[in-house]
C-alpha cells in the first residue's frame, strides 16, 4: 500500500481557508478519487503545535490518501488533476509539499 501525503507548510503570512477545504475541496477530492477500486482511505489532519508547547506546527494541514499502488493513484488522480488543482486557489496560496510513501506498518 502507498500513501500520498499533501503537506501544507505553516506560514503565518499564507492564506488557508479551513472551512472551504473541509466542507468543499475534500468532499470533491474524496468523491472523485474514491471511485477508483485502488482507493483505500483518506485522512486529514490540522497541525496544532510543534513538539514544544507554544511552538507552531510545521504544517497547517496534512492530507493523506491511501491507495494500493502509485499506478492506482495516478489512474484515479490523472483525469481529475485539472479540477482538483484548479480548486486550490479557492482555499490557499500555499504551495504544498507532496510525498509518496510505502506503508510498511499500519494497525
N, C-alpha and C. Protein backbone atom coordinates (compact mmCIF):
# COMPACT_ATOMS: atom_id res chain seq x y z
N UNK A 1 0.85 -1.17 0.00
CA UNK A 1 0.00 0.00 0.00
C UNK A 1 0.89 1.24 0.00
N UNK A 2 0.42 2.30 -0.63
CA UNK A 2 1.17 3.55 -0.68
C UNK A 2 0.32 4.68 -0.09
N UNK A 3 1.03 5.70 0.37
CA UNK A 3 0.38 6.88 0.93
C UNK A 3 0.86 8.10 0.15
N UNK A 4 -0.09 8.89 -0.33
CA UNK A 4 0.21 10.17 -0.97
C UNK A 4 -0.08 11.23 0.08
N UNK A 5 0.96 11.94 0.52
CA UNK A 5 0.80 12.99 1.53
C UNK A 5 0.89 14.35 0.87
N UNK A 6 -0.09 15.19 1.15
CA UNK A 6 -0.12 16.56 0.66
C UNK A 6 0.01 17.43 1.90
N UNK A 7 1.17 18.07 2.02
CA UNK A 7 1.54 18.78 3.24
C UNK A 7 1.60 20.28 2.98
N UNK A 8 0.82 21.03 3.73
CA UNK A 8 0.76 22.49 3.56
C UNK A 8 1.59 23.14 4.66
N UNK A 9 2.81 23.63 4.31
CA UNK A 9 3.69 24.23 5.32
C UNK A 9 3.02 25.41 6.02
N UNK A 10 3.31 25.51 7.31
CA UNK A 10 2.77 26.60 8.12
C UNK A 10 3.56 27.86 7.83
N UNK A 11 2.88 28.87 7.36
CA UNK A 11 3.47 30.16 7.04
C UNK A 11 2.51 31.23 7.53
N UNK A 12 2.88 32.00 8.55
CA UNK A 12 1.95 32.98 9.12
C UNK A 12 1.37 33.97 8.12
N UNK A 13 2.08 34.24 7.04
CA UNK A 13 1.57 35.20 6.06
C UNK A 13 0.74 34.53 4.96
N UNK A 14 0.61 33.22 5.01
CA UNK A 14 -0.14 32.49 3.99
C UNK A 14 -1.63 32.50 4.31
N UNK A 15 -2.43 32.22 3.29
CA UNK A 15 -3.88 32.13 3.43
C UNK A 15 -4.29 30.67 3.31
N UNK A 16 -5.10 30.21 4.25
CA UNK A 16 -5.66 28.86 4.19
C UNK A 16 -7.06 28.92 4.77
N UNK A 17 -8.06 28.69 3.93
CA UNK A 17 -9.47 28.71 4.34
C UNK A 17 -9.88 27.29 4.73
N UNK A 18 -9.79 27.01 6.03
CA UNK A 18 -10.05 25.66 6.53
C UNK A 18 -11.49 25.23 6.25
N UNK A 19 -12.44 26.14 6.40
CA UNK A 19 -13.84 25.80 6.15
C UNK A 19 -14.07 25.34 4.73
N UNK A 20 -13.52 26.08 3.76
CA UNK A 20 -13.68 25.70 2.36
C UNK A 20 -12.98 24.36 2.10
N UNK A 21 -11.79 24.20 2.65
CA UNK A 21 -11.02 22.97 2.43
C UNK A 21 -11.79 21.74 2.94
N UNK A 22 -12.31 21.83 4.16
CA UNK A 22 -13.01 20.69 4.77
C UNK A 22 -14.40 20.47 4.18
N UNK A 23 -15.12 21.56 3.94
CA UNK A 23 -16.52 21.43 3.52
C UNK A 23 -16.72 21.32 2.02
N UNK A 24 -15.75 21.78 1.21
CA UNK A 24 -15.93 21.79 -0.24
C UNK A 24 -14.84 21.00 -0.97
N UNK A 25 -13.57 21.36 -0.74
CA UNK A 25 -12.50 20.73 -1.52
C UNK A 25 -12.34 19.25 -1.19
N UNK A 26 -12.31 18.90 0.07
CA UNK A 26 -12.09 17.49 0.41
C UNK A 26 -13.26 16.60 0.01
N UNK A 27 -14.52 16.99 0.17
CA UNK A 27 -15.59 16.14 -0.35
C UNK A 27 -15.48 15.94 -1.87
N UNK A 28 -15.08 16.99 -2.59
CA UNK A 28 -14.86 16.87 -4.03
C UNK A 28 -13.74 15.86 -4.31
N UNK A 29 -12.61 16.02 -3.63
CA UNK A 29 -11.46 15.13 -3.82
C UNK A 29 -11.81 13.68 -3.50
N UNK A 30 -12.46 13.49 -2.37
CA UNK A 30 -12.81 12.13 -1.95
C UNK A 30 -13.81 11.51 -2.92
N UNK A 31 -14.78 12.28 -3.35
CA UNK A 31 -15.76 11.77 -4.31
C UNK A 31 -15.13 11.31 -5.61
N UNK A 32 -14.18 12.10 -6.11
CA UNK A 32 -13.54 11.75 -7.38
C UNK A 32 -12.55 10.60 -7.24
N UNK A 33 -11.69 10.65 -6.22
CA UNK A 33 -10.63 9.65 -6.10
C UNK A 33 -11.12 8.32 -5.55
N UNK A 34 -12.14 8.35 -4.70
CA UNK A 34 -12.60 7.09 -4.10
C UNK A 34 -13.37 6.22 -5.09
N UNK A 35 -13.69 6.75 -6.26
CA UNK A 35 -14.37 5.95 -7.28
C UNK A 35 -13.45 4.87 -7.85
N UNK A 36 -12.13 5.05 -7.68
CA UNK A 36 -11.17 4.05 -8.18
C UNK A 36 -11.08 2.89 -7.20
N UNK A 37 -11.03 1.68 -7.72
CA UNK A 37 -11.00 0.48 -6.86
C UNK A 37 -9.74 0.38 -6.01
N UNK A 38 -8.67 1.09 -6.39
CA UNK A 38 -7.42 1.05 -5.61
C UNK A 38 -7.41 1.98 -4.42
N UNK A 39 -8.44 2.82 -4.29
CA UNK A 39 -8.54 3.75 -3.16
C UNK A 39 -8.80 2.97 -1.88
N UNK A 40 -8.02 3.26 -0.83
CA UNK A 40 -8.17 2.55 0.44
C UNK A 40 -8.58 3.44 1.59
N UNK A 41 -8.40 4.75 1.46
CA UNK A 41 -8.81 5.63 2.55
C UNK A 41 -8.15 6.99 2.44
N UNK A 42 -8.56 7.87 3.34
CA UNK A 42 -8.01 9.23 3.38
C UNK A 42 -8.10 9.73 4.82
N UNK A 43 -7.15 10.56 5.20
CA UNK A 43 -7.23 11.26 6.48
C UNK A 43 -6.75 12.68 6.27
N UNK A 44 -7.31 13.60 7.05
CA UNK A 44 -6.91 14.99 7.03
C UNK A 44 -6.62 15.39 8.46
N UNK A 45 -5.48 16.04 8.66
CA UNK A 45 -5.05 16.46 10.00
C UNK A 45 -4.74 17.94 9.99
N UNK A 46 -5.15 18.63 11.05
CA UNK A 46 -4.80 20.04 11.24
C UNK A 46 -3.67 20.11 12.26
N UNK A 47 -2.58 20.81 11.90
CA UNK A 47 -1.47 20.98 12.82
C UNK A 47 -1.85 21.90 13.96
N UNK A 48 -1.57 21.47 15.18
CA UNK A 48 -1.89 22.28 16.35
C UNK A 48 -0.68 22.97 16.95
N UNK A 49 0.44 22.25 17.04
CA UNK A 49 1.65 22.85 17.60
C UNK A 49 2.85 22.01 17.24
N UNK A 50 4.02 22.56 17.54
CA UNK A 50 5.25 21.80 17.38
C UNK A 50 5.47 20.91 18.60
N UNK A 51 6.67 20.35 18.70
CA UNK A 51 6.97 19.43 19.81
C UNK A 51 6.94 20.12 21.17
N UNK A 52 7.30 21.38 21.19
CA UNK A 52 7.31 22.12 22.45
C UNK A 52 6.06 22.99 22.54
N UNK A 53 5.47 23.08 23.73
CA UNK A 53 4.29 23.93 23.89
C UNK A 53 4.60 25.37 23.45
N UNK A 54 3.64 25.95 22.75
CA UNK A 54 3.80 27.32 22.30
C UNK A 54 4.53 27.48 20.99
N UNK A 55 5.00 26.38 20.40
CA UNK A 55 5.66 26.48 19.10
C UNK A 55 4.65 26.14 18.00
N UNK A 56 4.90 26.67 16.83
CA UNK A 56 3.99 26.45 15.71
C UNK A 56 4.17 25.06 15.10
N UNK A 57 3.08 24.50 14.62
CA UNK A 57 3.12 23.24 13.88
C UNK A 57 3.88 23.46 12.58
N UNK A 58 4.57 22.46 12.12
CA UNK A 58 5.32 22.56 10.86
C UNK A 58 4.37 22.69 9.67
N UNK A 59 3.19 22.08 9.78
CA UNK A 59 2.21 22.10 8.70
C UNK A 59 0.86 22.55 9.22
N UNK A 60 0.18 23.40 8.44
CA UNK A 60 -1.18 23.83 8.78
C UNK A 60 -2.12 22.64 8.63
N UNK A 61 -1.98 21.94 7.51
CA UNK A 61 -2.83 20.79 7.21
C UNK A 61 -1.98 19.72 6.53
N UNK A 62 -2.32 18.46 6.83
CA UNK A 62 -1.73 17.31 6.16
C UNK A 62 -2.87 16.43 5.69
N UNK A 63 -2.85 16.08 4.42
CA UNK A 63 -3.85 15.19 3.85
C UNK A 63 -3.12 13.94 3.36
N UNK A 64 -3.66 12.77 3.68
CA UNK A 64 -3.02 11.51 3.31
C UNK A 64 -4.03 10.61 2.62
N UNK A 65 -3.75 10.29 1.36
CA UNK A 65 -4.57 9.35 0.60
C UNK A 65 -3.87 8.00 0.57
N UNK A 66 -4.60 6.92 0.80
CA UNK A 66 -4.07 5.56 0.72
C UNK A 66 -4.61 4.88 -0.53
N UNK A 67 -3.69 4.27 -1.28
CA UNK A 67 -4.02 3.52 -2.49
C UNK A 67 -3.22 2.23 -2.51
N UNK A 68 -3.69 1.28 -3.28
CA UNK A 68 -2.96 0.01 -3.43
C UNK A 68 -1.59 0.22 -4.05
N UNK A 69 -1.48 1.16 -5.00
CA UNK A 69 -0.21 1.38 -5.70
C UNK A 69 -0.15 2.81 -6.23
N UNK A 70 1.04 3.23 -6.60
CA UNK A 70 1.22 4.54 -7.23
C UNK A 70 0.43 4.59 -8.53
N UNK A 71 0.45 3.50 -9.28
CA UNK A 71 -0.28 3.44 -10.54
C UNK A 71 -1.79 3.66 -10.32
N UNK A 72 -2.32 3.04 -9.26
CA UNK A 72 -3.74 3.24 -8.94
C UNK A 72 -4.02 4.70 -8.62
N UNK A 73 -3.14 5.33 -7.86
CA UNK A 73 -3.33 6.75 -7.55
C UNK A 73 -3.32 7.58 -8.82
N UNK A 74 -2.37 7.34 -9.69
CA UNK A 74 -2.26 8.12 -10.92
C UNK A 74 -3.48 7.92 -11.82
N UNK A 75 -3.99 6.68 -11.87
CA UNK A 75 -5.20 6.41 -12.65
C UNK A 75 -6.40 7.17 -12.08
N UNK A 76 -6.47 7.26 -10.74
CA UNK A 76 -7.58 7.97 -10.09
C UNK A 76 -7.43 9.48 -10.21
N UNK A 77 -6.21 9.97 -10.02
CA UNK A 77 -5.97 11.42 -9.98
C UNK A 77 -5.88 12.05 -11.36
N UNK A 78 -5.24 11.38 -12.28
CA UNK A 78 -4.96 11.95 -13.61
C UNK A 78 -6.15 12.61 -14.29
N UNK A 79 -7.27 11.92 -14.42
CA UNK A 79 -8.41 12.52 -15.11
C UNK A 79 -9.01 13.73 -14.40
N UNK A 80 -8.71 13.88 -13.11
CA UNK A 80 -9.30 14.95 -12.32
C UNK A 80 -8.28 15.99 -11.86
N UNK A 81 -7.04 15.86 -12.31
CA UNK A 81 -5.97 16.75 -11.84
C UNK A 81 -6.30 18.21 -12.07
N UNK A 82 -6.78 18.57 -13.24
CA UNK A 82 -7.06 19.97 -13.56
C UNK A 82 -8.14 20.54 -12.63
N UNK A 83 -9.17 19.76 -12.35
CA UNK A 83 -10.25 20.21 -11.47
C UNK A 83 -9.73 20.39 -10.04
N UNK A 84 -9.03 19.38 -9.52
CA UNK A 84 -8.57 19.44 -8.14
C UNK A 84 -7.51 20.51 -7.93
N UNK A 85 -6.55 20.60 -8.83
CA UNK A 85 -5.51 21.62 -8.70
C UNK A 85 -6.09 23.00 -8.99
N UNK A 86 -7.06 23.09 -9.87
CA UNK A 86 -7.70 24.36 -10.17
C UNK A 86 -8.52 24.91 -9.02
N UNK A 87 -8.92 24.05 -8.10
CA UNK A 87 -9.70 24.47 -6.94
C UNK A 87 -8.81 25.03 -5.83
N UNK A 88 -7.52 24.76 -5.88
CA UNK A 88 -6.63 25.18 -4.79
C UNK A 88 -6.66 26.68 -4.49
N UNK A 89 -6.70 27.57 -5.48
CA UNK A 89 -6.74 29.00 -5.16
C UNK A 89 -7.98 29.41 -4.36
N UNK A 90 -9.00 28.56 -4.35
CA UNK A 90 -10.20 28.87 -3.56
C UNK A 90 -9.96 28.72 -2.06
N UNK A 91 -8.92 27.98 -1.66
CA UNK A 91 -8.68 27.80 -0.23
C UNK A 91 -7.28 28.15 0.24
N UNK A 92 -6.31 28.28 -0.67
CA UNK A 92 -4.96 28.58 -0.18
C UNK A 92 -4.08 29.21 -1.25
N UNK A 93 -3.04 29.87 -0.77
CA UNK A 93 -1.98 30.36 -1.65
C UNK A 93 -0.67 29.63 -1.33
N UNK A 94 -0.75 28.57 -0.55
CA UNK A 94 0.42 27.77 -0.16
C UNK A 94 0.71 26.73 -1.23
N UNK A 95 1.97 26.59 -1.59
CA UNK A 95 2.42 25.52 -2.48
C UNK A 95 2.68 24.29 -1.60
N UNK A 96 1.89 23.23 -1.73
CA UNK A 96 2.07 22.08 -0.84
C UNK A 96 3.30 21.25 -1.21
N UNK A 97 3.81 20.55 -0.20
CA UNK A 97 4.83 19.53 -0.41
C UNK A 97 4.09 18.21 -0.61
N UNK A 98 4.50 17.46 -1.62
CA UNK A 98 3.87 16.16 -1.91
C UNK A 98 4.90 15.07 -1.67
N UNK A 99 4.48 14.04 -0.97
CA UNK A 99 5.37 12.90 -0.74
C UNK A 99 4.62 11.61 -1.00
N UNK A 100 5.28 10.69 -1.68
CA UNK A 100 4.76 9.34 -1.90
C UNK A 100 5.55 8.41 -1.00
N UNK A 101 4.85 7.63 -0.19
CA UNK A 101 5.49 6.73 0.76
C UNK A 101 4.93 5.32 0.61
N UNK A 102 5.76 4.37 0.92
CA UNK A 102 5.30 2.99 1.04
C UNK A 102 4.91 2.75 2.49
N UNK A 103 3.72 2.27 2.72
CA UNK A 103 3.27 1.99 4.08
C UNK A 103 3.81 0.62 4.49
N UNK A 104 4.66 0.61 5.52
CA UNK A 104 5.27 -0.63 5.96
C UNK A 104 4.55 -1.24 7.17
N UNK A 105 4.00 -0.38 8.03
CA UNK A 105 3.24 -0.84 9.19
C UNK A 105 1.99 0.01 9.29
N UNK A 106 0.85 -0.64 9.45
CA UNK A 106 -0.41 0.06 9.68
C UNK A 106 -1.27 -0.83 10.55
N UNK A 107 -1.84 -0.29 11.58
CA UNK A 107 -2.69 -1.09 12.50
C UNK A 107 -4.05 -0.46 12.58
